[in-house]
Amino acid sequence: MSALLSAVELTKDFGETVALRNVSVDVEEGTTGLLGANGAGKSTLMTIFLGLLRPTSGKITVLGEDGDKSTQAHRLLPGIRMPSAQRLGG
């Protein structure tokens, strides 16, 4: 079974600030949350998966679909609520 969400060597920069650096992760069915310290990049990662932010580099897939395509992942993942991209600086 393939991962619901997958990131390979994902990086996201906001100017001089690096929010994610070379993150690789698979989120499998049944995962109910992400844990990490404040500022670890959890919200940035999910916002990228939702298609609200573009990664600086790396590759994502959402439900097997290439994240480089304009799939609007937020339509594929009902029930996920994220802060607006405007508040996140995107």
PDB file of N, CA and C in Angstrom:
ATOM      1  N   MET A   1       0.847  -1.177   0.000  1.00  0.00           N
ATOM      2  CA  MET A   1       0.000   0.000   0.000  1.00  0.00           C
ATOM      3  C   MET A   1       0.894   1.243   0.000  1.00  0.00           C
ATOM      4  N   SER A   2       0.554   2.211  -0.847  1.00  0.00           N
ATOM      5  CA  SER A   2       1.340   3.442  -0.873  1.00  0.00           C
ATOM      6  C   SER A   2       0.842   4.405   0.203  1.00  0.00           C
ATOM      7  N   ALA A   3       1.703   5.336   0.563  1.00  0.00           N
ATOM      8  CA  ALA A   3       1.373   6.314   1.604  1.00  0.00           C
ATOM      9  C   ALA A   3       0.276   7.256   1.121  1.00  0.00           C
ATOM     10  N   LEU A   4      -0.545   7.725   2.056  1.00  0.00           N
ATOM     11  CA  LEU A   4      -1.542   8.743   1.718  1.00  0.00           C
ATOM     12  C   LEU A   4      -0.863  10.050   1.349  1.00  0.00           C
ATOM     13  N   LEU A   5       0.149  10.411   2.117  1.00  0.00           N
ATOM     14  CA  LEU A   5       0.931  11.623   1.878  1.00  0.00           C
ATOM     15  C   LEU A   5       2.403  11.224   1.899  1.00  0.00           C
ATOM     16  N   SER A   6       3.166  11.764   0.979  1.00  0.00           N
ATOM     17  CA  SER A   6       4.586  11.439   0.939  1.00  0.00           C
ATOM     18  C   SER A   6       5.379  12.685   0.559  1.00  0.00           C
ATOM     19  N   ALA A   7       6.493  12.882   1.245  1.00  0.00           N
ATOM     20  CA  ALA A   7       7.418  13.979   0.930  1.00  0.00           C
ATOM     21  C   ALA A   7       8.815  13.385   0.802  1.00  0.00           C
ATOM     22  N   VAL A   8       9.549  13.834  -0.208  1.00  0.00           N
ATOM     23  CA  VAL A   8      10.913  13.378  -0.424  1.00  0.00           C
ATOM     24  C   VAL A   8      11.820  14.598  -0.552  1.00  0.00           C
ATOM     25  N   GLU A   9      12.773  14.707   0.379  1.00  0.00           N
ATOM     26  CA  GLU A   9      13.752  15.793   0.403  1.00  0.00           C
ATOM     27  C   GLU A   9      13.083  17.164   0.242  1.00  0.00           C
ATOM     28  N   LEU A  10      12.027  17.376   1.022  1.00  0.00           N
ATOM     29  CA  LEU A  10      11.232  18.599   0.945  1.00  0.00           C
ATOM     30  C   LEU A  10      11.900  19.734   1.707  1.00  0.00           C
ATOM     31  N   THR A  11      12.015  20.872   1.061  1.00  0.00           N
ATOM     32  CA  THR A  11      12.560  22.077   1.683  1.00  0.00           C
ATOM     33  C   THR A  11      11.606  23.229   1.426  1.00  0.00           C
ATOM     34  N   LYS A  12      11.402  24.067   2.439  1.00  0.00           N
ATOM     35  CA  LYS A  12      10.612  25.289   2.292  1.00  0.00           C
ATOM     36  C   LYS A  12      11.326  26.410   3.005  1.00  0.00           C
ATOM     37  N   ASP A  13      11.670  27.438   2.248  1.00  0.00           N
ATOM     38  CA  ASP A  13      12.306  28.636   2.782  1.00  0.00           C
ATOM     39  C   ASP A  13      11.321  29.792   2.714  1.00  0.00           C
ATOM     40  N   PHE A  14      11.363  30.635   3.740  1.00  0.00           N
ATOM     41  CA  PHE A  14      10.650  31.912   3.738  1.00  0.00           C
ATOM     42  C   PHE A  14      11.722  32.978   3.837  1.00  0.00           C
ATOM     43  N   GLY A  15      12.254  33.395   2.702  1.00  0.00           N
ATOM     44  CA  GLY A  15      13.377  34.332   2.716  1.00  0.00           C
ATOM     45  C   GLY A  15      14.579  33.668   3.363  1.00  0.00           C
ATOM     46  N   GLU A  16      15.087  34.278   4.420  1.00  0.00           N
ATOM     47  CA  GLU A  16      16.256  33.747   5.131  1.00  0.00           C
ATOM     48  C   GLU A  16      15.894  32.616   6.101  1.00  0.00           C
ATOM     49  N   THR A  17      14.603  32.450   6.391  1.00  0.00           N
ATOM     50  CA  THR A  17      14.155  31.451   7.357  1.00  0.00           C
ATOM     51  C   THR A  17      13.889  30.121   6.670  1.00  0.00           C
ATOM     52  N   VAL A  18      14.500  29.066   7.164  1.00  0.00           N
ATOM     53  CA  VAL A  18      14.275  27.719   6.635  1.00  0.00           C
ATOM     54  C   VAL A  18      13.235  27.043   7.522  1.00  0.00           C
ATOM     55  N   ALA A  19      12.051  26.788   6.965  1.00  0.00           N
ATOM     56  CA  ALA A  19      10.985  26.135   7.733  1.00  0.00           C
ATOM     57  C   ALA A  19      11.116  24.621   7.688  1.00  0.00           C
ATOM     58  N   LEU A  20      11.501  24.083   6.544  1.00  0.00           N
ATOM     59  CA  LEU A  20      11.728  22.646   6.369  1.00  0.00           C
ATOM     60  C   LEU A  20      13.025  22.470   5.597  1.00  0.00           C
ATOM     61  N   ARG A  21      13.828  21.501   6.001  1.00  0.00           N
ATOM     62  CA  ARG A  21      15.081  21.245   5.281  1.00  0.00           C
ATOM     63  C   ARG A  21      15.226  19.751   5.025  1.00  0.00           C
ATOM     64  N   ASN A  22      15.127  19.378   3.748  1.00  0.00           N
ATOM     65  CA  ASN A  22      15.329  17.985   3.304  1.00  0.00           C
ATOM     66  C   ASN A  22      14.514  16.972   4.112  1.00  0.00           C
ATOM     67  N   VAL A  23      13.232  17.255   4.290  1.00  0.00           N
ATOM     68  CA  VAL A  23      12.341  16.369   5.044  1.00  0.00           C
ATOM     69  C   VAL A  23      11.803  15.278   4.122  1.00  0.00           C
ATOM     70  N   SER A  24      11.939  14.041   4.553  1.00  0.00           N
ATOM     71  CA  SER A  24      11.338  12.905   3.854  1.00  0.00           C
ATOM     72  C   SER A  24      10.449  12.173   4.855  1.00  0.00           C
ATOM     73  N   VAL A  25       9.185  11.969   4.482  1.00  0.00           N
ATOM     74  CA  VAL A  25       8.225  11.336   5.388  1.00  0.00           C
ATOM     75  C   VAL A  25       7.097  10.712   4.572  1.00  0.00           C
ATOM     76  N   ASP A  26       6.593   9.585   5.055  1.00  0.00           N
ATOM     77  CA  ASP A  26       5.386   8.965   4.515  1.00  0.00           C
ATOM     78  C   ASP A  26       4.339   8.972   5.616  1.00  0.00           C
ATOM     79  N   VAL A  27       3.150   9.436   5.297  1.00  0.00           N
ATOM     80  CA  VAL A  27       2.033   9.427   6.239  1.00  0.00           C
ATOM     81  C   VAL A  27       1.078   8.333   5.769  1.00  0.00           C
ATOM     82  N   GLU A  28       0.987   7.282   6.580  1.00  0.00           N
ATOM     83  CA  GLU A  28       0.192   6.110   6.227  1.00  0.00           C
ATOM     84  C   GLU A  28      -1.243   6.248   6.733  1.00  0.00           C
ATOM     85  N   GLU A  29      -2.121   5.449   6.186  1.00  0.00           N
ATOM     86  CA  GLU A  29      -3.503   5.396   6.643  1.00  0.00           C
ATOM     87  C   GLU A  29      -3.522   5.075   8.128  1.00  0.00           C
ATOM     88  N   GLY A  30      -4.383   5.755   8.876  1.00  0.00           N
ATOM     89  CA  GLY A  30      -4.489   5.533  10.310  1.00  0.00           C
ATOM     90  C   GLY A  30      -3.713   6.533  11.142  1.00  0.00           C
ATOM     91  N   THR A  31      -2.858   7.317  10.513  1.00  0.00           N
ATOM     92  CA  THR A  31      -2.128   8.358  11.239  1.00  0.00           C
ATOM     93  C   THR A  31      -3.124   9.422  11.654  1.00  0.00           C
ATOM     94  N   THR A  32      -3.099   9.806  12.929  1.00  0.00           N
ATOM     95  CA  THR A  32      -4.080  10.768  13.410  1.00  0.00           C
ATOM     96  C   THR A  32      -3.478  12.095  13.824  1.00  0.00           C
ATOM     97  N   GLY A  33      -2.169  12.226  13.781  1.00  0.00           N
ATOM     98  CA  GLY A  33      -1.575  13.499  14.169  1.00  0.00           C
ATOM     99  C   GLY A  33      -0.080  13.519  13.926  1.00  0.00           C
ATOM    100  N   LEU A  34       0.474  14.704  13.962  1.00  0.00           N
ATOM    101  CA  LEU A  34       1.917  14.907  13.855  1.00  0.00           C
ATOM    102  C   LEU A  34       2.379  15.592  15.131  1.00  0.00           C
ATOM    103  N   LEU A  35       3.429  15.081  15.711  1.00  0.00           N
ATOM    104  CA  LEU A  35       3.969  15.661  16.930  1.00  0.00           C
ATOM    105  C   LEU A  35       5.330  16.279  16.648  1.00  0.00           C
ATOM    106  N   GLY A  36       5.601  17.385  17.298  1.00  0.00           N
ATOM    107  CA  GLY A  36       6.903  18.023  17.170  1.00  0.00           C
ATOM    108  C   GLY A  36       6.919  19.314  17.958  1.00  0.00           C
ATOM    109  N   ALA A  37       8.101  19.800  18.192  1.00  0.00           N
ATOM    110  CA  ALA A  37       8.263  21.050  18.934  1.00  0.00           C
ATOM    111  C   ALA A  37       7.681  22.228  18.159  1.00  0.00           C
ATOM    112  N   ASN A  38       7.386  23.310  18.894  1.00  0.00           N
ATOM    113  CA  ASN A  38       6.959  24.537  18.232  1.00  0.00           C
ATOM    114  C   ASN A  38       8.026  24.955  17.234  1.00  0.00           C
ATOM    115  N   GLY A  39       7.597  25.314  16.035  1.00  0.00           N
ATOM    116  CA  GLY A  39       8.537  25.743  15.011  1.00  0.00           C
ATOM    117  C   GLY A  39       9.203  24.611  14.259  1.00  0.00           C
ATOM    118  N   ALA A  40       8.760  23.369  14.477  1.00  0.00           N
ATOM    119  CA  ALA A  40       9.381  22.221  13.813  1.00  0.00           C
ATOM    120  C   ALA A  40       8.974  22.083  12.351  1.00  0.00           C
ATOM    121  N   GLY A  41       7.888  22.746  11.943  1.00  0.00           N
ATOM    122  CA  GLY A  41       7.468  22.708  10.540  1.00  0.00           C
ATOM    123  C   GLY A  41       6.232  21.879  10.264  1.00  0.00           C
ATOM    124  N   LYS A  42       5.508  21.476  11.293  1.00  0.00           N
ATOM    125  CA  LYS A  42       4.314  20.639  11.116  1.00  0.00           C
ATOM    126  C   LYS A  42       3.252  21.341  10.267  1.00  0.00           C
ATOM    127  N   SER A  43       2.931  22.558  10.604  1.00  0.00           N
ATOM    128  CA  SER A  43       1.908  23.302   9.857  1.00  0.00           C
ATOM    129  C   SER A  43       2.380  23.616   8.441  1.00  0.00           C
ATOM    130  N   THR A  44       3.650  23.935   8.300  1.00  0.00           N
ATOM    131  CA  THR A  44       4.190  24.202   6.965  1.00  0.00           C
ATOM    132  C   THR A  44       4.086  22.950   6.103  1.00  0.00           C
ATOM    133  N   LEU A  45       4.444  21.801   6.655  1.00  0.00           N
ATOM    134  CA  LEU A  45       4.363  20.543   5.919  1.00  0.00           C
ATOM    135  C   LEU A  45       2.935  20.264   5.460  1.00  0.00           C
ATOM    136  N   MET A  46       1.971  20.370   6.373  1.00  0.00           N
ATOM    137  CA  MET A  46       0.584  20.089   6.009  1.00  0.00           C
ATOM    138  C   MET A  46       0.034  21.113   5.021  1.00  0.00           C
ATOM    139  N   THR A  47       0.455  22.368   5.143  1.00  0.00           N
ATOM    140  CA  THR A  47       0.007  23.397   4.216  1.00  0.00           C
ATOM    141  C   THR A  47       0.542  23.129   2.812  1.00  0.00           C
ATOM    142  N   ILE A  48       1.742  22.594   2.715  1.00  0.00           N
ATOM    143  CA  ILE A  48       2.287  22.189   1.418  1.00  0.00           C
ATOM    144  C   ILE A  48       1.488  21.008   0.865  1.00  0.00           C
ATOM    145  N   PHE A  49       1.199  20.010   1.704  1.00  0.00           N
ATOM    146  CA  PHE A  49       0.391  18.877   1.252  1.00  0.00           C
ATOM    147  C   PHE A  49      -0.979  19.330   0.750  1.00  0.00           C
ATOM    148  N   LEU A  50      -1.538  20.346   1.378  1.00  0.00           N
ATOM    149  CA  LEU A  50      -2.849  20.851   0.973  1.00  0.00           C
ATOM    150  C   LEU A  50      -2.801  21.698  -0.292  1.00  0.00           C
ATOM    151  N   GLY A  51      -1.612  22.002  -0.774  1.00  0.00           N
ATOM    152  CA  GLY A  51      -1.485  22.779  -1.999  1.00  0.00           C
ATOM    153  C   GLY A  51      -1.610  24.268  -1.795  1.00  0.00           C
ATOM    154  N   LEU A  52      -1.550  24.722  -0.542  1.00  0.00           N
ATOM    155  CA  LEU A  52      -1.667  26.151  -0.250  1.00  0.00           C
ATOM    156  C   LEU A  52      -0.315  26.857  -0.291  1.00  0.00           C
ATOM    157  N   LEU A  53       0.766  26.097  -0.184  1.00  0.00           N
ATOM    158  CA  LEU A  53       2.131  26.613  -0.318  1.00  0.00           C
ATOM    159  C   LEU A  53       2.882  25.719  -1.281  1.00  0.00           C
ATOM    160  N   ARG A  54       3.823  26.310  -2.002  1.00  0.00           N
ATOM    161  CA  ARG A  54       4.709  25.549  -2.869  1.00  0.00           C
ATOM    162  C   ARG A  54       6.020  25.302  -2.136  1.00  0.00           C
ATOM    163  N   PRO A  55       6.560  24.096  -2.204  1.00  0.00           N
ATOM    164  CA  PRO A  55       7.870  23.865  -1.594  1.00  0.00           C
ATOM    165  C   PRO A  55       8.960  24.578  -2.375  1.00  0.00           C
ATOM    166  N   THR A  56      10.042  24.921  -1.698  1.00  0.00           N
ATOM    167  CA  THR A  56      11.199  25.493  -2.370  1.00  0.00           C
ATOM    168  C   THR A  56      11.857  24.420  -3.235  1.00  0.00           C
ATOM    169  N   SER A  57      11.936  23.199  -2.699  1.00  0.00           N
ATOM    170  CA  SER A  57      12.456  22.068  -3.467  1.00  0.00           C
ATOM    171  C   SER A  57      11.913  20.778  -2.869  1.00  0.00           C
ATOM    172  N   GLY A  58      12.096  19.694  -3.579  1.00  0.00           N
ATOM    173  CA  GLY A  58      11.620  18.402  -3.127  1.00  0.00           C
ATOM    174  C   GLY A  58      10.368  17.979  -3.863  1.00  0.00           C
ATOM    175  N   LYS A  59       9.859  16.828  -3.484  1.00  0.00           N
ATOM    176  CA  LYS A  59       8.703  16.250  -4.168  1.00  0.00           C
ATOM    177  C   LYS A  59       7.674  15.790  -3.150  1.00  0.00           C
ATOM    178  N   ILE A  60       6.391  16.015  -3.464  1.00  0.00           N
ATOM    179  CA  ILE A  60       5.309  15.491  -2.626  1.00  0.00           C
ATOM    180  C   ILE A  60       4.335  14.706  -3.490  1.00  0.00           C
ATOM    181  N   THR A  61       3.662  13.757  -2.846  1.00  0.00           N
ATOM    182  CA  THR A  61       2.527  13.092  -3.466  1.00  0.00           C
ATOM    183  C   THR A  61       1.384  13.082  -2.458  1.00  0.00           C
ATOM    184  N   VAL A  62       0.172  13.238  -2.970  1.00  0.00           N
ATOM    185  CA  VAL A  62      -1.045  13.234  -2.165  1.00  0.00           C
ATOM    186  C   VAL A  62      -1.977  12.199  -2.780  1.00  0.00           C
ATOM    187  N   LEU A  63      -2.285  11.152  -2.019  1.00  0.00           N
ATOM    188  CA  LEU A  63      -3.127  10.057  -2.501  1.00  0.00           C
ATOM    189  C   LEU A  63      -2.610   9.518  -3.832  1.00  0.00           C
ATOM    190  N   GLY A  64      -1.282   9.441  -3.944  1.00  0.00           N
ATOM    191  CA  GLY A  64      -0.652   8.917  -5.146  1.00  0.00           C
ATOM    192  C   GLY A  64      -0.520   9.904  -6.286  1.00  0.00           C
ATOM    193  N   GLU A  65      -1.086  11.100  -6.141  1.00  0.00           N
ATOM    194  CA  GLU A  65      -1.013  12.131  -7.186  1.00  0.00           C
ATOM    195  C   GLU A  65       0.223  12.982  -6.990  1.00  0.00           C
ATOM    196  N   ASP A  66       0.891  13.303  -8.079  1.00  0.00           N
ATOM    197  CA  ASP A  66       2.085  14.145  -8.050  1.00  0.00           C
ATOM    198  C   ASP A  66       1.725  15.533  -7.547  1.00  0.00           C
ATOM    199  N   GLY A  67       2.425  15.992  -6.517  1.00  0.00           N
ATOM    200  CA  GLY A  67       2.165  17.307  -5.942  1.00  0.00           C
ATOM    201  C   GLY A  67       2.551  18.459  -6.840  1.00  0.00           C
ATOM    202  N   ASP A  68       3.344  18.203  -7.893  1.00  0.00           N
ATOM    203  CA  ASP A  68       3.695  19.262  -8.832  1.00  0.00           C
ATOM    204  C   ASP A  68       2.519  19.638  -9.720  1.00  0.00           C
ATOM    205  N   LYS A  69       1.563  18.734  -9.831  1.00  0.00           N
ATOM    206  CA  LYS A  69       0.364  19.026 -10.606  1.00  0.00           C
ATOM    207  C   LYS A  69      -0.574  19.863  -9.758  1.00  0.00           C
ATOM    208  N   SER A  70      -1.425  20.608 -10.364  1.00  0.00           N
ATOM    209  CA  SER A  70      -2.376  21.446  -9.637  1.00  0.00           C
ATOM    210  C   SER A  70      -3.579  20.598  -9.219  1.00  0.00           C
ATOM    211  N   THR A  71      -3.391  19.721  -8.230  1.00  0.00           N
ATOM    212  CA  THR A  71      -4.446  18.793  -7.833  1.00  0.00           C
ATOM    213  C   THR A  71      -5.396  19.368  -6.797  1.00  0.00           C
ATOM    214  N   GLN A  72      -5.044  20.506  -6.210  1.00  0.00           N
ATOM    215  CA  GLN A  72      -5.830  21.086  -5.124  1.00  0.00           C
ATOM    216  C   GLN A  72      -6.136  20.026  -4.072  1.00  0.00           C
ATOM    217  N   ALA A  73      -5.081  19.604  -3.403  1.00  0.00           N
ATOM    218  CA  ALA A  73      -5.175  18.510  -2.442  1.00  0.00           C
ATOM    219  C   ALA A  73      -6.215  18.758  -1.360  1.00  0.00           C
ATOM    220  N   HIS A  74      -6.505  20.016  -1.055  1.00  0.00           N
ATOM    221  CA  HIS A  74      -7.498  20.283  -0.006  1.00  0.00           C
ATOM    222  C   HIS A  74      -8.859  19.702  -0.370  1.00  0.00           C
ATOM    223  N   ARG A  75      -9.119  19.477  -1.652  1.00  0.00           N
ATOM    224  CA  ARG A  75     -10.371  18.837  -2.057  1.00  0.00           C
ATOM    225  C   ARG A  75     -10.308  17.328  -1.873  1.00  0.00           C
ATOM    226  N   LEU A  76      -9.101  16.778  -1.885  1.00  0.00           N
ATOM    227  CA  LEU A  76      -8.935  15.338  -1.734  1.00  0.00           C
ATOM    228  C   LEU A  76      -8.943  14.906  -0.275  1.00  0.00           C
ATOM    229  N   LEU A  77      -8.687  15.827   0.643  1.00  0.00           N
ATOM    230  CA  LEU A  77      -8.534  15.499   2.054  1.00  0.00           C
ATOM    231  C   LEU A  77      -9.561  16.233   2.905  1.00  0.00           C
ATOM    232  N   PRO A  78     -10.834  15.867   2.803  1.00  0.00           N
ATOM    233  CA  PRO A  78     -11.850  16.559   3.588  1.00  0.00           C
ATOM    234  C   PRO A  78     -11.617  16.369   5.075  1.00  0.00           C
ATOM    235  N   GLY A  79     -11.981  17.367   5.844  1.00  0.00           N
ATOM    236  CA  GLY A  79     -11.867  17.271   7.293  1.00  0.00           C
ATOM    237  C   GLY A  79     -10.583  17.853   7.847  1.00  0.00           C
ATOM    238  N   ILE A  80      -9.614  18.172   6.993  1.00  0.00           N
ATOM    239  CA  ILE A  80      -8.385  18.800   7.468  1.00  0.00           C
ATOM    240  C   ILE A  80      -8.574  20.304   7.433  1.00  0.00           C
ATOM    241  N   ARG A  81      -8.340  20.932   8.548  1.00  0.00           N
ATOM    242  CA  ARG A  81      -8.474  22.380   8.639  1.00  0.00           C
ATOM    243  C   ARG A  81      -7.104  22.970   8.920  1.00  0.00           C
ATOM    244  N   MET A  82      -6.731  23.944   8.118  1.00  0.00           N
ATOM    245  CA  MET A  82      -5.423  24.584   8.269  1.00  0.00           C
ATOM    246  C   MET A  82      -5.613  26.087   8.375  1.00  0.00           C
ATOM    247  N   PRO A  83      -4.672  26.770   9.026  1.00  0.00           N
ATOM    248  CA  PRO A  83      -4.707  28.230   9.021  1.00  0.00           C
ATOM    249  C   PRO A  83      -4.582  28.732   7.600  1.00  0.00           C
ATOM    250  N   SER A  84      -5.040  29.946   7.364  1.00  0.00           N
ATOM    251  CA  SER A  84      -4.944  30.483   6.015  1.00  0.00           C
ATOM    252  C   SER A  84      -3.475  30.657   5.620  1.00  0.00           C
ATOM    253  N   ALA A  85      -3.207  30.503   4.331  1.00  0.00           N
ATOM    254  CA  ALA A  85      -1.839  30.660   3.825  1.00  0.00           C
ATOM    255  C   ALA A  85      -1.351  32.088   4.052  1.00  0.00           C
ATOM    256  N   GLN A  86      -2.267  33.042   4.053  1.00  0.00           N
ATOM    257  CA  GLN A  86      -1.881  34.439   4.274  1.00  0.00           C
ATOM    258  C   GLN A  86      -1.252  34.607   5.650  1.00  0.00           C
ATOM    259  N   ARG A  87      -1.825  33.974   6.670  1.00  0.00           N
ATOM    260  CA  ARG A  87      -1.261  34.093   8.026  1.00  0.00           C
ATOM    261  C   ARG A  87       0.074  33.380   8.140  1.00  0.00           C
ATOM    262  N   LEU A  88       0.304  32.366   7.287  1.00  0.00           N
ATOM    263  CA  LEU A  88       1.545  31.621   7.340  1.00  0.00           C
ATOM    264  C   LEU A  88       2.628  32.245   6.474  1.00  0.00           C
ATOM    265  N   GLY A  89       2.340  33.368   5.859  1.00  0.00           N
ATOM    266  CA  GLY A  89       3.340  34.057   5.049  1.00  0.00           C
ATOM    267  C   GLY A  89       3.447  33.519   3.643  1.00  0.00           C
ATOM    268  N   GLY A  90       2.473  32.757   3.178  1.00  0.00           N
ATOM    269  CA  GLY A  90       2.521  32.188   1.830  1.00  0.00           C
ATOM    270  C   GLY A  90       1.713  32.980   0.921  1.00  0.00           C
TER     271      GLY A  90
END
